[in-house]
Every structure is written in structure tokens, then in C-alpha cells.
Amino acid sequence: VALVLVSSTIFADETIPQIHQRVTDYTNTLTYQEW
């Protein structure tokens, strides 16, 4: 895990989303109020 941690820090995967909220719904399944 530590090895993967270091290597993934150097080579960050741009396809992985940066989370800016505790709940992130890219599917728009939740209503705004539920979110």
C-alpha cells in the first residue's frame, strides 16, 4: 500500500475525480434536497 501510495502521488490519475463535497452525485440520482 505504501509503495502504491508513493507511486500514485508521482503519477496522479487524471481520470479520478477530485471530490469537493462530502456527497458527489455524477448520476444526478439524488434530488437537490436529498443531497
PDB file of all heavy atoms in Angstrom:
ATOM      1  N   VAL A   1       0.837  -1.204   0.000  1.00  0.00           N
ATOM      2  CA  VAL A   1       0.000   0.000   0.000  1.00  0.00           C
ATOM      3  C   VAL A   1       0.866   1.247   0.000  1.00  0.00           C
ATOM      4  O   VAL A   1       0.609   2.215  -0.727  1.00  0.00           O
ATOM      5  CB  VAL A   1      -0.950   0.007   1.215  1.00  0.00           C
ATOM      6  CG1 VAL A   1      -1.597   1.391   1.390  1.00  0.00           C
ATOM      7  CG2 VAL A   1      -2.032  -1.045   1.041  1.00  0.00           C
ATOM      8  N   ALA A   2       1.927   1.258   0.821  1.00  0.00           N
ATOM      9  CA  ALA A   2       2.814   2.417   0.893  1.00  0.00           C
ATOM     10  C   ALA A   2       3.498   2.653  -0.443  1.00  0.00           C
ATOM     11  O   ALA A   2       3.663   3.800  -0.885  1.00  0.00           O
ATOM     12  CB  ALA A   2       3.859   2.208   1.991  1.00  0.00           C
ATOM     13  N   LEU A   3       3.897   1.567  -1.119  1.00  0.00           N
ATOM     14  CA  LEU A   3       4.535   1.687  -2.421  1.00  0.00           C
ATOM     15  C   LEU A   3       3.586   2.281  -3.441  1.00  0.00           C
ATOM     16  O   LEU A   3       3.945   3.171  -4.211  1.00  0.00           O
ATOM     17  CB  LEU A   3       5.026   0.312  -2.885  1.00  0.00           C
ATOM     18  CG  LEU A   3       5.737   0.263  -4.251  1.00  0.00           C
ATOM     19  CD1 LEU A   3       6.996   1.123  -4.212  1.00  0.00           C
ATOM     20  CD2 LEU A   3       6.071  -1.173  -4.620  1.00  0.00           C
ATOM     21  N   VAL A   4       2.333   1.784  -3.438  1.00  0.00           N
ATOM     22  CA  VAL A   4       1.323   2.318  -4.360  1.00  0.00           C
ATOM     23  C   VAL A   4       1.048   3.776  -4.049  1.00  0.00           C
ATOM     24  O   VAL A   4       0.845   4.607  -4.927  1.00  0.00           O
ATOM     25  CB  VAL A   4       0.016   1.494  -4.267  1.00  0.00           C
ATOM     26  CG1 VAL A   4      -1.089   2.143  -5.081  1.00  0.00           C
ATOM     27  CG2 VAL A   4       0.258   0.075  -4.750  1.00  0.00           C
ATOM     28  N   LEU A   5       1.060   4.105  -2.736  1.00  0.00           N
ATOM     29  CA  LEU A   5       0.797   5.472  -2.291  1.00  0.00           C
ATOM     30  C   LEU A   5       1.819   6.433  -2.873  1.00  0.00           C
ATOM     31  O   LEU A   5       1.475   7.489  -3.402  1.00  0.00           O
ATOM     32  CB  LEU A   5       0.867   5.501  -0.756  1.00  0.00           C
ATOM     33  CG  LEU A   5       0.041   6.533  -0.007  1.00  0.00           C
ATOM     34  CD1 LEU A   5      -1.440   6.312  -0.259  1.00  0.00           C
ATOM     35  CD2 LEU A   5       0.334   6.434   1.481  1.00  0.00           C
ATOM     36  N   VAL A   6       3.095   6.067  -2.806  1.00  0.00           N
ATOM     37  CA  VAL A   6       4.149   6.939  -3.314  1.00  0.00           C
ATOM     38  C   VAL A   6       4.075   7.066  -4.824  1.00  0.00           C
ATOM     39  O   VAL A   6       4.150   8.159  -5.385  1.00  0.00           O
ATOM     40  CB  VAL A   6       5.538   6.406  -2.887  1.00  0.00           C
ATOM     41  CG1 VAL A   6       6.638   7.210  -3.549  1.00  0.00           C
ATOM     42  CG2 VAL A   6       5.678   6.467  -1.374  1.00  0.00           C
ATOM     43  N   SER A   7       3.906   5.933  -5.515  1.00  0.00           N
ATOM     44  CA  SER A   7       3.882   5.955  -6.977  1.00  0.00           C
ATOM     45  C   SER A   7       2.675   6.706  -7.502  1.00  0.00           C
ATOM     46  O   SER A   7       2.764   7.425  -8.496  1.00  0.00           O
ATOM     47  CB  SER A   7       3.889   4.525  -7.529  1.00  0.00           C
ATOM     48  OG  SER A   7       2.747   3.828  -7.115  1.00  0.00           O
ATOM     49  N   SER A   8       1.518   6.564  -6.838  1.00  0.00           N
ATOM     50  CA  SER A   8       0.317   7.257  -7.306  1.00  0.00           C
ATOM     51  C   SER A   8       0.395   8.747  -7.032  1.00  0.00           C
ATOM     52  O   SER A   8      -0.283   9.544  -7.679  1.00  0.00           O
ATOM     53  CB  SER A   8      -0.936   6.662  -6.649  1.00  0.00           C
ATOM     54  OG  SER A   8      -0.856   6.765  -5.253  1.00  0.00           O
ATOM     55  N   THR A   9       1.211   9.147  -6.049  1.00  0.00           N
ATOM     56  CA  THR A   9       1.410  10.572  -5.802  1.00  0.00           C
ATOM     57  C   THR A   9       2.208  11.190  -6.941  1.00  0.00           C
ATOM     58  O   THR A   9       1.949  12.316  -7.386  1.00  0.00           O
ATOM     59  CB  THR A   9       2.159  10.779  -4.470  1.00  0.00           C
ATOM     60  OG1 THR A   9       1.381  10.230  -3.417  1.00  0.00           O
ATOM     61  CG2 THR A   9       2.396  12.254  -4.211  1.00  0.00           C
ATOM     62  N   ILE A  10       3.188  10.430  -7.425  1.00  0.00           N
ATOM     63  CA  ILE A  10       4.025  10.931  -8.517  1.00  0.00           C
ATOM     64  C   ILE A  10       3.260  10.923  -9.834  1.00  0.00           C
ATOM     65  O   ILE A  10       3.323  11.858 -10.623  1.00  0.00           O
ATOM     66  CB  ILE A  10       5.299  10.068  -8.624  1.00  0.00           C
ATOM     67  CG1 ILE A  10       6.098  10.145  -7.317  1.00  0.00           C
ATOM     68  CG2 ILE A  10       6.154  10.532  -9.807  1.00  0.00           C
ATOM     69  CD1 ILE A  10       7.280   9.201  -7.270  1.00  0.00           C
ATOM     70  N   PHE A  11       2.493   9.852 -10.042  1.00  0.00           N
ATOM     71  CA  PHE A  11       1.757   9.717 -11.296  1.00  0.00           C
ATOM     72  C   PHE A  11       0.264   9.761 -10.996  1.00  0.00           C
ATOM     73  O   PHE A  11      -0.408   8.735 -10.979  1.00  0.00           O
ATOM     74  CB  PHE A  11       2.115   8.399 -11.989  1.00  0.00           C
ATOM     75  CG  PHE A  11       3.590   8.228 -12.233  1.00  0.00           C
ATOM     76  CD1 PHE A  11       4.348   7.371 -11.431  1.00  0.00           C
ATOM     77  CD2 PHE A  11       4.212   8.921 -13.249  1.00  0.00           C
ATOM     78  CE1 PHE A  11       5.707   7.222 -11.649  1.00  0.00           C
ATOM     79  CE2 PHE A  11       5.586   8.773 -13.476  1.00  0.00           C
ATOM     80  CZ  PHE A  11       6.326   7.925 -12.671  1.00  0.00           C
ATOM     81  N   ALA A  12      -0.269  10.939 -10.724  1.00  0.00           N
ATOM     82  CA  ALA A  12      -1.688  11.099 -10.371  1.00  0.00           C
ATOM     83  C   ALA A  12      -2.571  10.751 -11.560  1.00  0.00           C
ATOM     84  O   ALA A  12      -2.283  11.129 -12.694  1.00  0.00           O
ATOM     85  CB  ALA A  12      -1.950  12.542  -9.931  1.00  0.00           C
ATOM     86  N   ASP A  13      -3.634  10.012 -11.293  1.00  0.00           N
ATOM     87  CA  ASP A  13      -4.568   9.590 -12.332  1.00  0.00           C
ATOM     88  C   ASP A  13      -5.588  10.699 -12.561  1.00  0.00           C
ATOM     89  O   ASP A  13      -6.407  10.992 -11.699  1.00  0.00           O
ATOM     90  CB  ASP A  13      -5.270   8.304 -11.894  1.00  0.00           C
ATOM     91  CG  ASP A  13      -6.074   7.673 -13.016  1.00  0.00           C
ATOM     92  OD1 ASP A  13      -6.351   8.376 -14.011  1.00  0.00           O
ATOM     93  OD2 ASP A  13      -6.424   6.494 -12.895  1.00  0.00           O
ATOM     94  N   GLU A  14      -5.534  11.302 -13.742  1.00  0.00           N
ATOM     95  CA  GLU A  14      -6.420  12.419 -14.042  1.00  0.00           C
ATOM     96  C   GLU A  14      -7.868  11.981 -14.248  1.00  0.00           C
ATOM     97  O   GLU A  14      -8.766  12.808 -14.295  1.00  0.00           O
ATOM     98  CB  GLU A  14      -5.917  13.175 -15.276  1.00  0.00           C
ATOM     99  CG  GLU A  14      -4.564  13.848 -15.060  1.00  0.00           C
ATOM    100  CD  GLU A  14      -4.096  14.610 -16.287  1.00  0.00           C
ATOM    101  OE1 GLU A  14      -4.794  14.544 -17.326  1.00  0.00           O
ATOM    102  OE2 GLU A  14      -3.045  15.268 -16.211  1.00  0.00           O
ATOM    103  N   THR A  15      -8.088  10.667 -14.401  1.00  0.00           N
ATOM    104  CA  THR A  15      -9.459  10.181 -14.580  1.00  0.00           C
ATOM    105  C   THR A  15     -10.186  10.050 -13.247  1.00  0.00           C
ATOM    106  O   THR A  15     -11.390   9.858 -13.223  1.00  0.00           O
ATOM    107  CB  THR A  15      -9.454   8.807 -15.284  1.00  0.00           C
ATOM    108  OG1 THR A  15      -8.832   7.831 -14.434  1.00  0.00           O
ATOM    109  CG2 THR A  15      -8.726   8.870 -16.610  1.00  0.00           C
ATOM    110  N   ILE A  16      -9.465  10.135 -12.155  1.00  0.00           N
ATOM    111  CA  ILE A  16     -10.074  10.035 -10.831  1.00  0.00           C
ATOM    112  C   ILE A  16     -10.587  11.405 -10.417  1.00  0.00           C
ATOM    113  O   ILE A  16      -9.851  12.387 -10.434  1.00  0.00           O
ATOM    114  CB  ILE A  16      -9.052   9.522  -9.794  1.00  0.00           C
ATOM    115  CG1 ILE A  16      -8.551   8.131 -10.186  1.00  0.00           C
ATOM    116  CG2 ILE A  16      -9.669   9.498  -8.413  1.00  0.00           C
ATOM    117  CD1 ILE A  16      -9.638   7.090 -10.307  1.00  0.00           C
ATOM    118  N   PRO A  17     -11.873  11.502 -10.043  1.00  0.00           N
ATOM    119  CA  PRO A  17     -12.443  12.811  -9.718  1.00  0.00           C
ATOM    120  C   PRO A  17     -11.897  13.410  -8.432  1.00  0.00           C
ATOM    121  O   PRO A  17     -11.630  12.694  -7.469  1.00  0.00           O
ATOM    122  CB  PRO A  17     -13.947  12.511  -9.582  1.00  0.00           C
ATOM    123  CG  PRO A  17     -14.009  11.064  -9.203  1.00  0.00           C
ATOM    124  CD  PRO A  17     -12.859  10.411  -9.925  1.00  0.00           C
ATOM    125  N   GLN A  18     -11.716  14.708  -8.439  1.00  0.00           N
ATOM    126  CA  GLN A  18     -11.401  15.445  -7.219  1.00  0.00           C
ATOM    127  C   GLN A  18     -12.719  15.751  -6.521  1.00  0.00           C
ATOM    128  O   GLN A  18     -13.596  16.380  -7.094  1.00  0.00           O
ATOM    129  CB  GLN A  18     -10.667  16.744  -7.554  1.00  0.00           C
ATOM    130  CG  GLN A  18      -9.211  16.554  -7.939  1.00  0.00           C
ATOM    131  CD  GLN A  18      -8.392  16.000  -6.787  1.00  0.00           C
ATOM    132  OE1 GLN A  18      -7.781  14.956  -6.916  1.00  0.00           O
ATOM    133  NE2 GLN A  18      -8.380  16.684  -5.658  1.00  0.00           N
ATOM    134  N   ILE A  19     -12.826  15.298  -5.288  1.00  0.00           N
ATOM    135  CA  ILE A  19     -14.060  15.471  -4.527  1.00  0.00           C
ATOM    136  C   ILE A  19     -14.007  16.793  -3.776  1.00  0.00           C
ATOM    137  O   ILE A  19     -13.069  17.051  -3.024  1.00  0.00           O
ATOM    138  CB  ILE A  19     -14.265  14.299  -3.550  1.00  0.00           C
ATOM    139  CG1 ILE A  19     -14.406  12.981  -4.325  1.00  0.00           C
ATOM    140  CG2 ILE A  19     -15.485  14.548  -2.681  1.00  0.00           C
ATOM    141  CD1 ILE A  19     -14.520  11.774  -3.434  1.00  0.00           C
ATOM    142  N   HIS A  20     -15.007  17.628  -3.984  1.00  0.00           N
ATOM    143  CA  HIS A  20     -15.079  18.925  -3.306  1.00  0.00           C
ATOM    144  C   HIS A  20     -16.268  19.007  -2.350  1.00  0.00           C
ATOM    145  O   HIS A  20     -16.515  20.045  -1.748  1.00  0.00           O
ATOM    146  CB  HIS A  20     -15.174  20.051  -4.335  1.00  0.00           C
ATOM    147  CG  HIS A  20     -14.002  20.097  -5.275  1.00  0.00           C
ATOM    148  ND1 HIS A  20     -12.744  20.471  -4.874  1.00  0.00           N
ATOM    149  CD2 HIS A  20     -13.897  19.779  -6.586  1.00  0.00           C
ATOM    150  CE1 HIS A  20     -11.911  20.410  -5.901  1.00  0.00           C
ATOM    151  NE2 HIS A  20     -12.579  19.979  -6.951  1.00  0.00           N
ATOM    152  N   GLN A  21     -17.009  17.920  -2.236  1.00  0.00           N
ATOM    153  CA  GLN A  21     -18.169  17.855  -1.348  1.00  0.00           C
ATOM    154  C   GLN A  21     -18.198  16.476  -0.711  1.00  0.00           C
ATOM    155  O   GLN A  21     -17.594  15.537  -1.223  1.00  0.00           O
ATOM    156  CB  GLN A  21     -19.458  18.088  -2.156  1.00  0.00           C
ATOM    157  CG  GLN A  21     -19.488  19.446  -2.817  1.00  0.00           C
ATOM    158  CD  GLN A  21     -20.497  19.520  -3.961  1.00  0.00           C
ATOM    159  OE1 GLN A  21     -20.971  20.585  -4.278  1.00  0.00           O
ATOM    160  NE2 GLN A  21     -20.799  18.407  -4.588  1.00  0.00           N
ATOM    161  N   ARG A  22     -18.876  16.361   0.395  1.00  0.00           N
ATOM    162  CA  ARG A  22     -18.969  15.064   1.059  1.00  0.00           C
ATOM    163  C   ARG A  22     -19.807  14.091   0.249  1.00  0.00           C
ATOM    164  O   ARG A  22     -19.595  12.890   0.323  1.00  0.00           O
ATOM    165  CB  ARG A  22     -19.567  15.253   2.461  1.00  0.00           C
ATOM    166  CG  ARG A  22     -18.657  16.048   3.390  1.00  0.00           C
ATOM    167  CD  ARG A  22     -19.361  16.439   4.673  1.00  0.00           C
ATOM    168  NE  ARG A  22     -18.472  17.267   5.500  1.00  0.00           N
ATOM    169  CZ  ARG A  22     -18.316  18.581   5.328  1.00  0.00           C
ATOM    170  NH1 ARG A  22     -18.984  19.211   4.372  1.00  0.00           N
ATOM    171  NH2 ARG A  22     -17.502  19.256   6.098  1.00  0.00           N
ATOM    172  N   VAL A  23     -20.775  14.601  -0.495  1.00  0.00           N
ATOM    173  CA  VAL A  23     -21.610  13.762  -1.357  1.00  0.00           C
ATOM    174  C   VAL A  23     -21.494  14.291  -2.780  1.00  0.00           C
ATOM    175  O   VAL A  23     -21.872  15.430  -3.059  1.00  0.00           O
ATOM    176  CB  VAL A  23     -23.084  13.769  -0.908  1.00  0.00           C
ATOM    177  CG1 VAL A  23     -23.921  12.863  -1.812  1.00  0.00           C
ATOM    178  CG2 VAL A  23     -23.205  13.335   0.548  1.00  0.00           C
ATOM    179  N   THR A  24     -20.964  13.470  -3.673  1.00  0.00           N
ATOM    180  CA  THR A  24     -20.814  13.855  -5.075  1.00  0.00           C
ATOM    181  C   THR A  24     -21.608  12.873  -5.931  1.00  0.00           C
ATOM    182  O   THR A  24     -21.293  11.677  -5.961  1.00  0.00           O
ATOM    183  CB  THR A  24     -19.340  13.839  -5.494  1.00  0.00           C
ATOM    184  OG1 THR A  24     -18.582  14.687  -4.619  1.00  0.00           O
ATOM    185  CG2 THR A  24     -19.183  14.325  -6.930  1.00  0.00           C
ATOM    186  N   ASP A  25     -22.625  13.376  -6.600  1.00  0.00           N
ATOM    187  CA  ASP A  25     -23.511  12.529  -7.397  1.00  0.00           C
ATOM    188  C   ASP A  25     -23.405  12.899  -8.865  1.00  0.00           C
ATOM    189  O   ASP A  25     -24.101  13.785  -9.352  1.00  0.00           O
ATOM    190  CB  ASP A  25     -24.955  12.682  -6.894  1.00  0.00           C
ATOM    191  CG  ASP A  25     -25.946  11.864  -7.711  1.00  0.00           C
ATOM    192  OD1 ASP A  25     -25.502  10.991  -8.481  1.00  0.00           O
ATOM    193  OD2 ASP A  25     -27.156  12.105  -7.587  1.00  0.00           O
ATOM    194  N   TYR A  26     -22.538  12.198  -9.587  1.00  0.00           N
ATOM    195  CA  TYR A  26     -22.394  12.443 -11.019  1.00  0.00           C
ATOM    196  C   TYR A  26     -23.549  11.843 -11.821  1.00  0.00           C
ATOM    197  O   TYR A  26     -23.647  12.077 -13.021  1.00  0.00           O
ATOM    198  CB  TYR A  26     -21.070  11.863 -11.521  1.00  0.00           C
ATOM    199  CG  TYR A  26     -19.860  12.680 -11.154  1.00  0.00           C
ATOM    200  CD1 TYR A  26     -18.989  12.241 -10.160  1.00  0.00           C
ATOM    201  CD2 TYR A  26     -19.582  13.894 -11.776  1.00  0.00           C
ATOM    202  CE1 TYR A  26     -17.872  12.982  -9.809  1.00  0.00           C
ATOM    203  CE2 TYR A  26     -18.470  14.637 -11.438  1.00  0.00           C
ATOM    204  CZ  TYR A  26     -17.623  14.177 -10.466  1.00  0.00           C
ATOM    205  OH  TYR A  26     -16.516  14.922 -10.116  1.00  0.00           O
ATOM    206  N   THR A  27     -24.403  11.063 -11.176  1.00  0.00           N
ATOM    207  CA  THR A  27     -25.525  10.432 -11.863  1.00  0.00           C
ATOM    208  C   THR A  27     -26.802  11.260 -11.778  1.00  0.00           C
ATOM    209  O   THR A  27     -27.782  10.944 -12.440  1.00  0.00           O
ATOM    210  CB  THR A  27     -25.812   9.045 -11.257  1.00  0.00           C
ATOM    211  OG1 THR A  27     -26.343   9.200  -9.928  1.00  0.00           O
ATOM    212  CG2 THR A  27     -24.547   8.199 -11.196  1.00  0.00           C
ATOM    213  N   ASN A  28     -26.787  12.297 -10.923  1.00  0.00           N
ATOM    214  CA  ASN A  28     -27.984  13.109 -10.670  1.00  0.00           C
ATOM    215  C   ASN A  28     -29.169  12.259 -10.229  1.00  0.00           C
ATOM    216  O   ASN A  28     -30.320  12.530 -10.564  1.00  0.00           O
ATOM    217  CB  ASN A  28     -28.361  13.944 -11.899  1.00  0.00           C
ATOM    218  CG  ASN A  28     -27.556  15.223 -11.989  1.00  0.00           C
ATOM    219  OD1 ASN A  28     -26.993  15.683 -10.992  1.00  0.00           O
ATOM    220  ND2 ASN A  28     -27.463  15.787 -13.170  1.00  0.00           N
ATOM    221  N   THR A  29     -28.876  11.215  -9.462  1.00  0.00           N
ATOM    222  CA  THR A  29     -29.926  10.365  -8.897  1.00  0.00           C
ATOM    223  C   THR A  29     -30.636  11.068  -7.749  1.00  0.00           C
ATOM    224  O   THR A  29     -31.853  10.997  -7.611  1.00  0.00           O
ATOM    225  CB  THR A  29     -29.321   9.031  -8.405  1.00  0.00           C
ATOM    226  OG1 THR A  29     -28.762   8.335  -9.513  1.00  0.00           O
ATOM    227  CG2 THR A  29     -30.373   8.163  -7.743  1.00  0.00           C
ATOM    228  N   LEU A  30     -29.869  11.754  -6.919  1.00  0.00           N
ATOM    229  CA  LEU A  30     -30.423  12.441  -5.755  1.00  0.00           C
ATOM    230  C   LEU A  30     -31.023  13.773  -6.160  1.00  0.00           C
ATOM    231  O   LEU A  30     -30.506  14.456  -7.042  1.00  0.00           O
ATOM    232  CB  LEU A  30     -29.321  12.678  -4.713  1.00  0.00           C
ATOM    233  CG  LEU A  30     -28.593  11.445  -4.174  1.00  0.00           C
ATOM    234  CD1 LEU A  30     -27.437  11.872  -3.284  1.00  0.00           C
ATOM    235  CD2 LEU A  30     -29.553  10.547  -3.410  1.00  0.00           C
ATOM    236  N   THR A  31     -32.097  14.127  -5.496  1.00  0.00           N
ATOM    237  CA  THR A  31     -32.627  15.477  -5.674  1.00  0.00           C
ATOM    238  C   THR A  31     -31.727  16.441  -4.920  1.00  0.00           C
ATOM    239  O   THR A  31     -30.915  16.029  -4.073  1.00  0.00           O
ATOM    240  CB  THR A  31     -34.058  15.606  -5.128  1.00  0.00           C
ATOM    241  OG1 THR A  31     -34.037  15.466  -3.690  1.00  0.00           O
ATOM    242  CG2 THR A  31     -34.969  14.535  -5.721  1.00  0.00           C
ATOM    243  N   TYR A  32     -31.888  17.703  -5.194  1.00  0.00           N
ATOM    244  CA  TYR A  32     -31.072  18.709  -4.521  1.00  0.00           C
ATOM    245  C   TYR A  32     -31.290  18.667  -3.011  1.00  0.00           C
ATOM    246  O   TYR A  32     -30.328  18.748  -2.225  1.00  0.00           O
ATOM    247  CB  TYR A  32     -31.426  20.087  -5.064  1.00  0.00           C
ATOM    248  CG  TYR A  32     -30.640  21.215  -4.449  1.00  0.00           C
ATOM    249  CD1 TYR A  32     -29.265  21.284  -4.596  1.00  0.00           C
ATOM    250  CD2 TYR A  32     -31.279  22.217  -3.720  1.00  0.00           C
ATOM    251  CE1 TYR A  32     -28.536  22.328  -4.033  1.00  0.00           C
ATOM    252  CE2 TYR A  32     -30.561  23.261  -3.157  1.00  0.00           C
ATOM    253  CZ  TYR A  32     -29.192  23.311  -3.312  1.00  0.00           C
ATOM    254  OH  TYR A  32     -28.482  24.327  -2.751  1.00  0.00           O
ATOM    255  N   GLN A  33     -32.518  18.511  -2.579  1.00  0.00           N
ATOM    256  CA  GLN A  33     -32.808  18.483  -1.153  1.00  0.00           C
ATOM    257  C   GLN A  33     -32.227  17.237  -0.494  1.00  0.00           C
ATOM    258  O   GLN A  33     -31.718  17.296   0.637  1.00  0.00           O
ATOM    259  CB  GLN A  33     -34.317  18.576  -0.912  1.00  0.00           C
ATOM    260  CG  GLN A  33     -34.899  19.933  -1.273  1.00  0.00           C
ATOM    261  CD  GLN A  33     -36.390  20.007  -1.031  1.00  0.00           C
ATOM    262  OE1 GLN A  33     -37.027  19.012  -0.702  1.00  0.00           O
ATOM    263  NE2 GLN A  33     -36.963  21.191  -1.199  1.00  0.00           N
ATOM    264  N   GLU A  34     -32.302  16.093  -1.176  1.00  0.00           N
ATOM    265  CA  GLU A  34     -31.709  14.878  -0.637  1.00  0.00           C
ATOM    266  C   GLU A  34     -30.206  15.026  -0.491  1.00  0.00           C
ATOM    267  O   GLU A  34     -29.628  14.621   0.525  1.00  0.00           O
ATOM    268  CB  GLU A  34     -32.043  13.690  -1.550  1.00  0.00           C
ATOM    269  CG  GLU A  34     -33.501  13.287  -1.501  1.00  0.00           C
ATOM    270  CD  GLU A  34     -33.869  12.276  -2.568  1.00  0.00           C
ATOM    271  OE1 GLU A  34     -33.064  12.071  -3.502  1.00  0.00           O
ATOM    272  OE2 GLU A  34     -34.953  11.686  -2.479  1.00  0.00           O
ATOM    273  N   TRP A  35     -29.567  15.614  -1.498  1.00  0.00           N
ATOM    274  CA  TRP A  35     -28.134  15.851  -1.441  1.00  0.00           C
ATOM    275  C   TRP A  35     -27.775  16.749  -0.257  1.00  0.00           C
ATOM    276  O   TRP A  35     -26.838  16.482   0.494  1.00  0.00           O
ATOM    277  CB  TRP A  35     -27.664  16.498  -2.753  1.00  0.00           C
ATOM    278  CG  TRP A  35     -26.264  17.016  -2.699  1.00  0.00           C
ATOM    279  CD1 TRP A  35     -25.113  16.296  -2.775  1.00  0.00           C
ATOM    280  CD2 TRP A  35     -25.869  18.380  -2.523  1.00  0.00           C
ATOM    281  NE1 TRP A  35     -24.015  17.122  -2.681  1.00  0.00           N
ATOM    282  CE2 TRP A  35     -24.453  18.411  -2.525  1.00  0.00           C
ATOM    283  CE3 TRP A  35     -26.577  19.583  -2.392  1.00  0.00           C
ATOM    284  CZ2 TRP A  35     -23.733  19.595  -2.379  1.00  0.00           C
ATOM    285  CZ3 TRP A  35     -25.854  20.759  -2.249  1.00  0.00           C
ATOM    286  CH2 TRP A  35     -24.451  20.754  -2.240  1.00  0.00           C
TER     287      TRP A  35
END
